[in-house]
Protein backbone atom coordinates (compact mmCIF):
# COMPACT_ATOMS: atom_id res chain seq x y z
CA MET A 1 -37.64 189.58 8.59
CA GLU A 2 -39.67 192.50 9.96
CA ALA A 3 -41.97 191.85 12.90
CA MET A 4 -45.20 192.50 10.97
CA SER A 5 -44.25 190.34 8.00
CA ALA A 6 -43.21 187.51 10.33
CA VAL A 7 -46.73 186.99 11.67
CA PRO A 8 -48.08 185.20 8.55
CA ALA A 9 -44.95 183.04 8.51
CA LEU A 10 -45.50 182.17 12.17
CA GLU A 11 -49.13 181.31 11.49
CA SER A 12 -48.06 179.05 8.63
CA ALA A 13 -45.53 177.32 10.88
CA LEU A 14 -48.11 176.81 13.63
CA SER A 15 -50.52 175.23 11.14
CA LYS A 16 -48.13 172.27 11.11
CA VAL A 17 -48.51 171.75 14.89
CA ILE A 18 -50.98 168.92 15.47
CA ASP A 19 -52.97 168.62 18.67
CA PRO A 20 -51.88 165.27 20.20
CA GLU A 21 -55.42 164.28 21.21
CA ILE A 22 -57.66 165.69 18.49
CA ARG A 23 -55.06 165.08 15.76
CA ARG A 24 -55.84 168.27 13.85
CA PRO A 25 -53.79 171.45 13.33
CA ILE A 26 -54.08 173.80 16.30
CA THR A 27 -54.82 176.68 13.91
CA GLU A 28 -57.80 174.76 12.53
CA ILE A 29 -59.47 174.05 15.87
CA GLY A 30 -59.18 177.54 17.35
CA MET A 31 -56.35 176.94 19.82
CA VAL A 32 -54.15 179.81 18.60
CA ARG A 33 -55.39 182.89 20.43
CA SER A 34 -52.77 185.39 19.31
CA ILE A 35 -49.45 185.77 17.44
CA GLU A 36 -47.13 188.71 18.08
CA MET A 37 -43.48 189.46 17.39
CA ASP A 38 -41.41 192.47 18.42
CA ASP A 39 -38.50 194.08 16.59
CA ALA A 40 -36.00 192.10 18.68
CA GLY A 41 -37.37 188.82 17.30
CA LEU A 42 -39.35 187.71 20.36
CA ALA A 43 -42.40 185.74 19.24
CA VAL A 44 -45.25 185.65 21.76
CA ILE A 45 -47.78 182.93 20.99
CA GLY A 46 -51.10 182.74 22.85
CA ILE A 47 -52.51 179.20 23.03
CA ASP A 48 -55.89 178.29 24.47
CA LEU A 49 -55.97 174.72 25.80
CA THR A 50 -59.18 172.77 25.35
CA VAL A 51 -59.47 172.15 29.11
CA ALA A 52 -57.69 173.29 32.23
CA GLY A 53 -55.00 170.85 33.26
CA CYS A 54 -54.68 169.48 29.73
CA PRO A 55 -52.40 166.40 30.00
CA MET A 56 -50.69 167.33 26.73
CA LYS A 57 -49.86 170.96 27.55
CA GLU A 58 -46.11 170.36 27.88
CA ARG A 59 -45.94 168.60 24.52
CA LEU A 60 -48.06 171.34 22.92
CA THR A 61 -45.82 174.03 24.38
CA SER A 62 -42.64 172.40 23.08
CA ASP A 63 -44.18 171.77 19.64
CA VAL A 64 -45.32 175.38 19.36
CA GLU A 65 -41.91 176.66 20.44
CA ALA A 66 -40.15 174.45 17.89
CA ALA A 67 -42.46 175.57 15.09
CA ALA A 68 -42.04 179.26 15.94
CA ARG A 69 -38.24 179.00 16.13
CA SER A 70 -38.19 177.58 12.60
CA VAL A 71 -39.30 180.98 11.24
CA ASP A 72 -36.57 183.33 9.99
CA GLY A 73 -35.99 186.27 12.29
CA VAL A 74 -37.33 184.63 15.44
CA THR A 75 -34.75 184.87 18.19
CA ASP A 76 -36.87 183.76 21.14
CA VAL A 77 -40.32 182.34 21.83
CA ARG A 78 -42.73 182.77 24.71
CA VAL A 79 -45.85 180.60 24.84
CA GLU A 80 -48.69 182.02 26.92
CA LEU A 81 -51.22 179.34 27.85
CA GLY A 82 -54.89 179.98 28.47
CA VAL A 83 -58.05 177.90 28.48
CA MET A 84 -60.93 177.92 26.01
CA SER A 85 -64.16 179.51 27.15
CA GLU A 86 -67.33 177.44 27.33
CA GLU A 87 -68.47 179.08 24.10
CA GLN A 88 -65.22 178.14 22.37
CA ARG A 89 -65.51 174.55 23.56
CA THR A 90 -69.09 174.36 22.29
CA GLU A 91 -67.99 175.64 18.89
CA LEU A 92 -65.14 173.11 18.84
CA LYS A 93 -67.44 170.20 19.71
CA THR A 94 -69.85 171.22 16.96
CA GLN A 95 -66.94 171.44 14.53
CA LEU A 96 -65.63 168.01 15.51
CA ARG A 97 -69.11 166.53 15.10
CA GLY A 98 -69.25 167.77 11.53
CA GLY A 99 -71.52 170.72 12.26
CA LYS A 100 -73.96 168.73 14.41
CA PRO A 101 -74.45 170.19 17.91
CA GLU A 102 -75.69 166.92 19.43
CA PRO A 103 -73.80 163.59 19.64
CA VAL A 104 -74.23 161.15 16.76
CA ILE A 105 -72.67 157.80 15.96
CA PRO A 106 -70.30 158.87 13.17
CA PHE A 107 -69.93 155.37 11.72
CA ASN A 108 -73.59 155.38 10.68
CA GLU A 109 -73.45 158.78 9.01
CA PRO A 110 -73.84 158.97 5.21
CA GLY A 111 -70.44 158.91 3.59
CA SER A 112 -68.67 157.17 6.46
CA MET A 113 -66.11 154.77 5.01
CA THR A 114 -64.83 153.41 8.32
CA ARG A 115 -64.58 149.63 8.26
CA VAL A 116 -66.05 148.29 11.53
CA TYR A 117 -65.01 144.83 12.74
CA ALA A 118 -66.66 143.23 15.77
CA ILE A 119 -64.23 140.68 17.22
CA ALA A 120 -66.41 137.97 18.80
CA SER A 121 -66.05 134.63 20.52
CA GLY A 122 -68.38 132.02 21.92
CA LYS A 123 -66.54 131.62 25.21
CA GLY A 124 -63.89 133.41 27.21
CA GLY A 125 -60.22 132.49 27.34
CA VAL A 126 -59.68 132.06 23.60
CA GLY A 127 -57.45 135.15 23.29
CA LYS A 128 -59.99 137.45 21.64
CA SER A 129 -58.63 140.61 23.29
CA THR A 130 -55.05 139.70 22.44
CA VAL A 131 -56.09 139.22 18.83
CA THR A 132 -57.96 142.56 18.83
CA ALA A 133 -55.05 144.54 20.30
CA ASN A 134 -52.56 143.04 17.87
CA LEU A 135 -54.75 143.49 14.80
CA ALA A 136 -55.19 147.14 15.76
CA ALA A 137 -51.46 147.64 16.30
CA ALA A 138 -50.56 145.92 13.03
CA MET A 139 -53.02 148.04 11.05
CA ALA A 140 -51.81 151.25 12.72
CA ALA A 141 -48.21 150.32 11.97
CA ASP A 142 -49.21 150.03 8.31
CA GLY A 143 -50.39 153.64 8.37
CA LEU A 144 -54.12 153.17 8.92
CA LYS A 145 -56.08 155.32 11.35
CA VAL A 146 -57.37 152.82 13.88
CA GLY A 147 -59.69 152.89 16.88
CA VAL A 148 -60.49 150.19 19.45
CA LEU A 149 -63.65 150.12 21.53
CA ASP A 150 -63.37 147.72 24.45
CA ALA A 151 -66.98 146.55 24.57
CA ASP A 152 -66.20 143.80 27.07
CA ILE A 153 -67.60 145.81 29.97
CA PHE A 154 -67.22 143.10 32.61
CA GLY A 155 -63.92 141.63 31.42
CA PHE A 156 -62.13 144.66 29.98
CA SER A 157 -58.44 144.16 29.20
CA ILE A 158 -57.64 146.44 26.27
CA PRO A 159 -56.11 149.29 28.39
CA GLY A 160 -53.53 146.92 29.85
CA MET A 161 -52.73 145.25 26.55
CA LEU A 162 -52.19 148.61 24.83
CA GLY A 163 -50.43 150.21 27.79
CA VAL A 164 -53.02 152.97 28.14
CA GLU A 165 -52.99 154.86 31.42
CA GLY A 166 -55.36 157.53 32.68
CA GLN A 167 -58.78 158.64 31.52
CA PRO A 168 -59.93 160.25 28.28
CA THR A 169 -59.84 164.05 28.32
CA ARG A 170 -63.34 165.48 28.82
CA LEU A 171 -64.40 168.30 26.53
CA GLY A 172 -67.77 168.95 28.11
CA ASP A 173 -69.86 165.93 27.15
CA MET A 174 -67.30 164.85 24.55
CA LEU A 175 -64.42 162.47 25.33
CA LEU A 176 -61.05 162.64 23.61
CA PRO A 177 -59.71 159.06 23.61
CA PRO A 178 -56.16 158.25 24.76
CA ILE A 179 -53.79 157.24 21.97
CA ALA A 180 -51.30 154.39 22.34
CA HIS A 181 -49.20 152.94 19.52
CA GLU A 182 -51.16 155.32 17.23
CA ILE A 183 -54.42 153.60 18.26
CA LYS A 184 -57.35 155.53 19.73
CA ALA A 185 -58.80 153.41 22.50
CA VAL A 186 -61.72 153.64 24.91
CA SER A 187 -62.69 151.21 27.66
CA ILE A 188 -64.78 151.22 30.80
CA GLY A 189 -61.52 150.15 32.46
CA MET A 190 -60.31 153.75 32.08
CA PHE A 191 -63.04 154.92 34.47
CA VAL A 192 -63.13 152.13 37.06
CA PRO A 193 -60.71 152.01 40.03
CA ALA A 194 -58.28 149.09 39.95
CA GLY A 195 -59.83 145.89 41.26
CA GLN A 196 -63.39 147.21 41.28
CA PRO A 197 -65.93 145.11 39.36
CA VAL A 198 -68.57 146.54 37.03
CA VAL A 199 -72.00 145.37 38.23
CA TRP A 200 -74.44 146.55 35.57
CA ARG A 201 -77.58 145.19 33.95
CA GLY A 202 -78.75 145.37 30.34
CA PRO A 203 -79.97 149.01 30.06
CA MET A 204 -76.76 150.38 31.59
CA LEU A 205 -74.65 148.27 29.27
CA HIS A 206 -76.64 149.52 26.28
CA ARG A 207 -76.19 153.15 27.34
CA ALA A 208 -72.45 152.71 27.95
CA ILE A 209 -71.88 151.35 24.44
CA GLU A 210 -73.96 154.17 22.96
CA GLN A 211 -71.89 156.77 24.80
CA PHE A 212 -68.61 155.19 23.72
CA LEU A 213 -69.76 155.36 20.10
CA ALA A 214 -71.41 158.79 20.09
CA ASP A 215 -69.71 160.82 22.82
CA VAL A 216 -66.12 159.88 21.95
CA PHE A 217 -64.36 161.93 19.28
CA TRP A 218 -63.04 159.11 17.09
CA GLY A 219 -62.09 161.32 14.17
CA ASP A 220 -61.76 160.00 10.64
CA LEU A 221 -60.91 156.34 11.22
CA ASP A 222 -60.06 153.80 8.56
CA VAL A 223 -60.87 150.91 10.90
CA LEU A 224 -62.76 150.56 14.18
CA LEU A 225 -62.28 147.29 16.08
CA LEU A 226 -64.76 146.26 18.75
CA ASP A 227 -63.58 143.81 21.40
CA LEU A 228 -66.87 142.11 22.26
CA PRO A 229 -67.58 140.08 25.39
CA PRO A 230 -67.96 136.31 24.91
CA GLY A 231 -71.34 134.99 23.82
CA THR A 232 -74.44 136.53 22.32
CA GLY A 233 -75.83 138.64 25.14
CA ASP A 234 -76.96 142.24 25.60
CA ILE A 235 -73.85 143.92 24.21
CA ALA A 236 -73.75 141.87 21.01
CA ILE A 237 -77.38 142.83 20.41
CA SER A 238 -76.69 146.52 21.17
CA ILE A 239 -73.76 146.57 18.77
CA ALA A 240 -75.99 145.14 16.04
CA GLN A 241 -78.49 147.95 16.69
CA PHE A 242 -75.95 150.77 16.87
CA LEU A 243 -73.67 149.50 14.08
CA PRO A 244 -75.73 147.48 11.60
CA HIS A 245 -72.88 147.58 9.06
CA ALA A 246 -70.34 146.06 11.48
CA GLU A 247 -68.75 142.84 10.24
CA ILE A 248 -68.11 139.95 12.62
CA VAL A 249 -64.77 138.19 13.05
CA VAL A 250 -65.06 135.00 15.11
CA VAL A 251 -62.13 133.89 17.29
CA THR A 252 -61.88 130.29 18.43
CA THR A 253 -59.31 127.71 19.51
CA PRO A 254 -58.94 124.28 17.87
CA GLN A 255 -60.66 122.61 20.82
CA ALA A 256 -64.01 121.04 19.91
CA ALA A 257 -65.81 122.60 22.89
CA ALA A 258 -64.59 126.09 22.00
CA ALA A 259 -65.37 125.64 18.31
CA THR A 260 -68.94 124.52 18.99
CA VAL A 261 -69.64 127.55 21.16
CA ALA A 262 -67.89 129.88 18.69
CA GLU A 263 -70.38 128.91 15.99
CA ARG A 264 -73.14 130.47 18.09
CA ALA A 265 -71.30 133.80 18.19
CA GLY A 266 -71.11 133.79 14.41
CA SER A 267 -74.66 132.52 13.91
CA ILE A 268 -76.02 135.67 15.58
CA ALA A 269 -75.62 137.21 12.12
CA THR A 270 -78.71 135.28 11.00
CA GLN A 271 -80.78 137.43 13.39
CA THR A 272 -78.92 140.74 13.13
CA SER A 273 -78.36 140.80 9.34
CA GLN A 274 -74.65 141.40 9.87
CA SER A 275 -72.01 139.59 7.87
CA VAL A 276 -69.29 137.27 9.16
CA VAL A 277 -65.92 138.10 7.62
CA GLY A 278 -64.16 134.96 8.75
CA VAL A 279 -62.72 132.89 11.56
CA ILE A 280 -59.41 133.20 13.38
CA GLU A 281 -58.07 130.07 15.05
CA ASN A 282 -55.97 131.13 18.03
CA MET A 283 -53.59 128.87 20.01
CA ALA A 284 -53.47 126.61 16.95
CA TRP A 285 -50.23 124.84 17.90
CA LEU A 286 -46.95 125.20 19.77
CA ASP A 287 -43.78 125.16 17.67
CA GLN A 288 -41.21 122.66 18.99
CA PRO A 289 -37.39 123.02 18.90
CA ASP A 290 -37.16 120.21 16.33
CA GLY A 291 -39.53 122.03 13.95
CA THR A 292 -42.60 119.94 14.69
CA ARG A 293 -45.89 121.29 15.99
CA LEU A 294 -47.58 120.26 19.22
CA HIS A 295 -51.37 120.63 18.95
CA LEU A 296 -52.19 121.16 22.60
CA PHE A 297 -55.87 121.89 21.98
CA GLY A 298 -56.48 119.51 19.11
CA GLU A 299 -56.86 120.37 15.43
CA GLY A 300 -59.46 121.57 12.99
CA GLY A 301 -61.55 123.86 15.20
CA GLY A 302 -61.20 126.88 12.94
CA GLU A 303 -62.03 124.93 9.79
CA ARG A 304 -65.03 123.35 11.50
CA VAL A 305 -66.42 126.72 12.61
CA ALA A 306 -65.83 128.28 9.18
CA GLY A 307 -67.46 125.37 7.38
CA ASN A 308 -70.53 125.28 9.59
CA LEU A 309 -71.00 129.06 9.42
CA THR A 310 -70.69 128.93 5.63
CA ARG A 311 -73.54 126.43 5.50
CA THR A 312 -75.65 128.26 8.10
CA LEU A 313 -75.25 131.75 6.63
CA GLY A 314 -75.15 130.77 2.97
CA THR A 315 -72.06 132.86 2.29
CA ASP A 316 -68.36 132.00 2.24
CA VAL A 317 -66.81 132.28 5.71
CA PRO A 318 -63.07 131.60 5.41
CA VAL A 319 -60.40 130.87 7.99
CA LEU A 320 -58.53 134.17 8.08
CA GLY A 321 -55.51 132.72 9.85
CA GLN A 322 -54.13 130.36 12.48
CA ILE A 323 -52.22 131.94 15.36
CA PRO A 324 -49.71 129.68 17.13
CA LEU A 325 -49.14 129.68 20.88
CA ASP A 326 -46.28 132.06 21.55
CA VAL A 327 -44.76 133.10 24.88
CA ALA A 328 -43.69 136.39 23.30
CA ALA A 329 -47.34 137.28 22.63
CA ARG A 330 -48.28 136.72 26.26
CA GLU A 331 -45.31 138.69 27.56
CA ALA A 332 -45.99 141.56 25.17
CA GLY A 333 -49.63 141.77 26.24
CA ASP A 334 -48.65 141.86 29.90
CA ALA A 335 -46.16 144.64 29.15
CA GLY A 336 -48.67 146.80 27.28
CA THR A 337 -47.00 146.57 23.88
CA PRO A 338 -48.60 144.20 21.32
CA VAL A 339 -46.26 141.51 20.02
CA VAL A 340 -46.62 142.74 16.43
CA ILE A 341 -44.67 145.79 17.62
CA SER A 342 -42.38 144.37 20.31
CA ASP A 343 -41.35 141.20 18.45
CA PRO A 344 -42.64 141.44 14.86
CA ASP A 345 -40.74 138.34 13.70
CA SER A 346 -42.15 136.00 16.35
CA PRO A 347 -44.46 133.25 15.04
CA ALA A 348 -47.62 134.79 16.52
CA ALA A 349 -46.75 138.27 15.28
CA VAL A 350 -46.16 137.05 11.72
CA ALA A 351 -49.53 135.28 11.68
CA LEU A 352 -51.37 138.23 13.24
CA ARG A 353 -49.86 140.71 10.79
CA ALA A 354 -50.98 138.50 7.91
CA VAL A 355 -54.56 138.50 9.22
CA ALA A 356 -54.47 142.28 9.75
CA SER A 357 -53.24 142.78 6.20
CA ARG A 358 -56.01 140.57 4.87
CA LEU A 359 -58.69 142.49 6.77
CA SER A 360 -57.38 145.96 5.97
CA SER A 361 -57.05 145.20 2.25
CA ARG A 362 -60.69 144.17 1.86
CA ARG A 363 -62.78 146.55 -0.19
CA ARG A 364 -65.30 148.59 1.73
CA GLY A 365 -68.78 148.12 0.34
CA LEU A 366 -71.26 150.93 -0.29
CA ALA A 367 -74.37 148.89 0.47
CA GLY A 368 -76.84 151.00 2.41
CA ARG A 369 -74.66 154.12 2.14
CA SER A 370 -75.55 157.40 0.47
CA LEU A 371 -73.53 158.11 -2.67
CA GLY A 372 -74.46 161.79 -2.66
CA VAL A 373 -75.93 161.50 -6.15
CA THR A 374 -79.22 163.12 -7.17
CA PRO A 375 -81.08 161.65 -10.16
CA VAL A 376 -81.71 164.09 -13.00
CA LYS A 377 -85.03 163.94 -14.79
CA ARG A 378 -85.10 164.35 -18.56
């Protein structure tokens, strides 16, 4: 193939290279600066990184080289890296925001079909974050585009449970979230030094959640999961304001004390006009070697919460699933790989995958959303 005729073929090959952070073709987001090829078959590809010191530059370089070498007539490849100008970055941010120059919460935009689930609990220690991480991993493994916002500002644990290290890449005032197990995740834990507490009051919490929703490039998600802090405080109220279409999933244990408090987390829907999808009963039992079940925390907590919320809210609130105690789930969380991935046949993983399937298969309603239809007068 002649050098001139090879350029369109090279461009076509590069269109299949996906930026690891933005998850769009590099040709689409303006990263390909130049494409040249000499008569000897040397392809010289100019790539502009979004930021200096891009953590994915080695992967991008290897992907570009592989794509270029797949073109007939290419004998060698040289990738020349540069950095986008401020003007280029501004254009890219506007493009990623759908043509809007200023940050917006994409999940409230007309036409957004992202299902938003707020994973809530009445008290801490019921395994809410473990449930959130595993639901996200199970949905992503089924091919859905999933994001997790760790809204538990004081008790963040999502980065460790997903094995996320480092901070999001900053594109000016836009953040590109780290991706682990095909899950986009953001947490205040990515910005706080190890062991340092977050000591914030209401207005700062409100602003942090707003920034995580508007300043992060989430892309076109199928599902966004929010790991809420326990209770019905400032953050739960902020989420209701920022994401009025979010649906609440209540996590409890069978224990009567936990179940009673969990009802309060679900009952917040009476004041926020959100809906409660259902209840997950975690730590439901411990399977014994002889096949029996040991109910360490009692029985019936999930059913009790679901029944009381059904009566309070006037709509059906089912028990979505019962998750047994499982050492594999704890070990997987500590290792940064959710049990639905590391040990998919374990009792907890089977139950969690069933709940994830149930949530992801629910139809997404169009209530309150623009259909893009204009009435015609006759």
